[in-house]
Amino acid sequence: MMYYIDKVNTWSPANLKCKEVQGYVKEFRQTLITDKAAADALVNEIRQKVEELNAAFPRTKRLTVKEDGNFVACVNEDRKLDDQYVFTFHIEAVKRTYEINN
């Protein structure tokens, strides 16, 4: 089964690290993903980038990428409120494709 990321939701960045994370993940808007393994690899790649930025900005709050089913979100590790997101997106299954055969 194929998957896609339609849109990435972002909010006003709290700092430069959040801005860089958002810029990186926005590159995945309207991305087609070949299978579940590729979707998992994409989320792991985003996690690695967030860890690189956590190391590059040690004085800021650590960020973490959470996955719940098809929902992916980046939040502060020690967040106090449930709505403190850096970004969110859904990995949706492609329901059908349309093709013209000549």
Protein backbone atom coordinates (compact mmCIF):
# COMPACT_ATOMS: atom_id res chain seq x y z
CA MET A 1 0.00 0.00 0.00
CA MET A 2 1.20 3.50 -0.81
CA TYR A 3 1.03 6.47 1.55
CA TYR A 4 1.34 10.24 1.30
CA ILE A 5 1.84 13.36 3.37
CA ASP A 6 -0.60 16.00 2.21
CA LYS A 7 0.24 18.92 4.45
CA VAL A 8 2.54 19.70 7.37
CA ASN A 9 1.05 21.83 10.15
CA THR A 10 3.42 24.31 11.79
CA TRP A 11 3.06 27.10 14.31
CA SER A 12 5.10 30.18 15.09
CA PRO A 13 8.56 28.84 16.02
CA ALA A 14 9.72 29.41 19.59
CA ASN A 15 13.39 29.67 18.59
CA LEU A 16 15.88 29.07 15.78
CA LYS A 17 15.97 25.32 16.42
CA CYS A 18 12.19 25.03 15.99
CA LYS A 19 12.41 27.15 12.85
CA GLU A 20 15.05 24.83 11.38
CA VAL A 21 13.03 21.72 12.28
CA GLN A 22 9.95 23.22 10.61
CA GLY A 23 11.89 24.16 7.48
CA TYR A 24 13.26 20.63 7.22
CA VAL A 25 9.94 18.85 7.69
CA LYS A 26 8.09 21.19 5.30
CA GLU A 27 10.14 19.59 2.52
CA PHE A 28 7.97 16.48 2.94
CA ARG A 29 4.71 18.22 2.00
CA GLN A 30 2.86 16.44 -0.80
CA THR A 31 5.24 13.48 -0.65
CA LEU A 32 4.24 10.05 -1.94
CA ILE A 33 5.63 7.14 0.12
CA THR A 34 5.96 3.70 -1.45
CA ASP A 35 5.16 1.47 1.55
CA LYS A 36 5.02 1.20 5.35
CA ALA A 37 8.75 0.51 5.61
CA ALA A 38 9.50 3.71 3.71
CA ALA A 39 7.08 5.63 5.97
CA ASP A 40 8.90 4.30 9.04
CA ALA A 41 12.26 5.24 7.48
CA LEU A 42 11.01 8.77 6.80
CA VAL A 43 9.91 9.23 10.43
CA ASN A 44 13.28 7.89 11.61
CA GLU A 45 15.09 10.33 9.30
CA ILE A 46 13.10 13.20 10.83
CA ARG A 47 13.95 11.90 14.32
CA GLN A 48 17.65 11.89 13.42
CA LYS A 49 17.46 15.48 12.17
CA VAL A 50 15.71 16.56 15.39
CA GLU A 51 18.44 14.83 17.44
CA GLU A 52 21.14 16.63 15.39
CA LEU A 53 19.45 19.95 16.12
CA ASN A 54 19.07 19.06 19.82
CA ALA A 55 22.85 18.57 19.91
CA ALA A 56 23.48 21.79 17.95
CA PHE A 57 21.25 23.83 20.30
CA PRO A 58 21.98 22.38 23.77
CA ARG A 59 20.67 25.42 25.68
CA THR A 60 17.13 25.04 24.32
CA LYS A 61 14.48 22.56 25.43
CA ARG A 62 14.93 19.13 23.87
CA LEU A 63 12.52 18.19 21.12
CA THR A 64 11.19 14.72 20.42
CA VAL A 65 9.22 13.20 17.55
CA LYS A 66 6.18 11.16 18.59
CA GLU A 67 4.21 8.79 16.38
CA ASP A 68 0.72 7.50 17.08
CA GLY A 69 -0.68 5.45 14.24
CA ASN A 70 -0.65 7.73 11.21
CA PHE A 71 -0.15 10.91 13.30
CA VAL A 72 3.41 12.31 13.65
CA ALA A 73 4.24 15.27 15.90
CA CYS A 74 7.27 17.09 17.24
CA VAL A 75 7.00 18.45 20.79
CA ASN A 76 9.16 19.57 23.70
CA GLU A 77 10.17 16.55 25.79
CA ASP A 78 9.09 18.25 29.01
CA ARG A 79 5.98 19.96 27.69
CA LYS A 80 3.38 21.06 30.20
CA LEU A 81 0.45 21.52 27.80
CA ASP A 82 -0.86 19.11 25.18
CA ASP A 83 -0.93 21.73 22.44
CA GLN A 84 2.73 22.78 22.30
CA TYR A 85 3.59 21.37 18.88
CA VAL A 86 6.49 22.33 16.64
CA PHE A 87 4.90 20.45 13.72
CA THR A 88 2.33 17.75 13.01
CA PHE A 89 1.33 15.75 9.97
CA HIS A 90 -0.55 12.60 9.03
CA ILE A 91 0.76 9.76 6.89
CA GLU A 92 -2.35 8.84 4.93
CA ALA A 93 -2.96 5.72 2.87
CA VAL A 94 -3.59 6.27 -0.83
CA LYS A 95 -7.18 5.17 -1.35
CA ARG A 96 -7.03 4.88 -5.12
CA THR A 97 -5.13 6.01 -8.17
CA TYR A 98 -6.48 7.11 -11.51
CA GLU A 99 -4.71 6.12 -14.68
CA ILE A 100 -5.52 6.51 -18.37
CA ASN A 101 -4.49 3.58 -20.53
CA ASN A 102 -3.95 4.43 -24.19
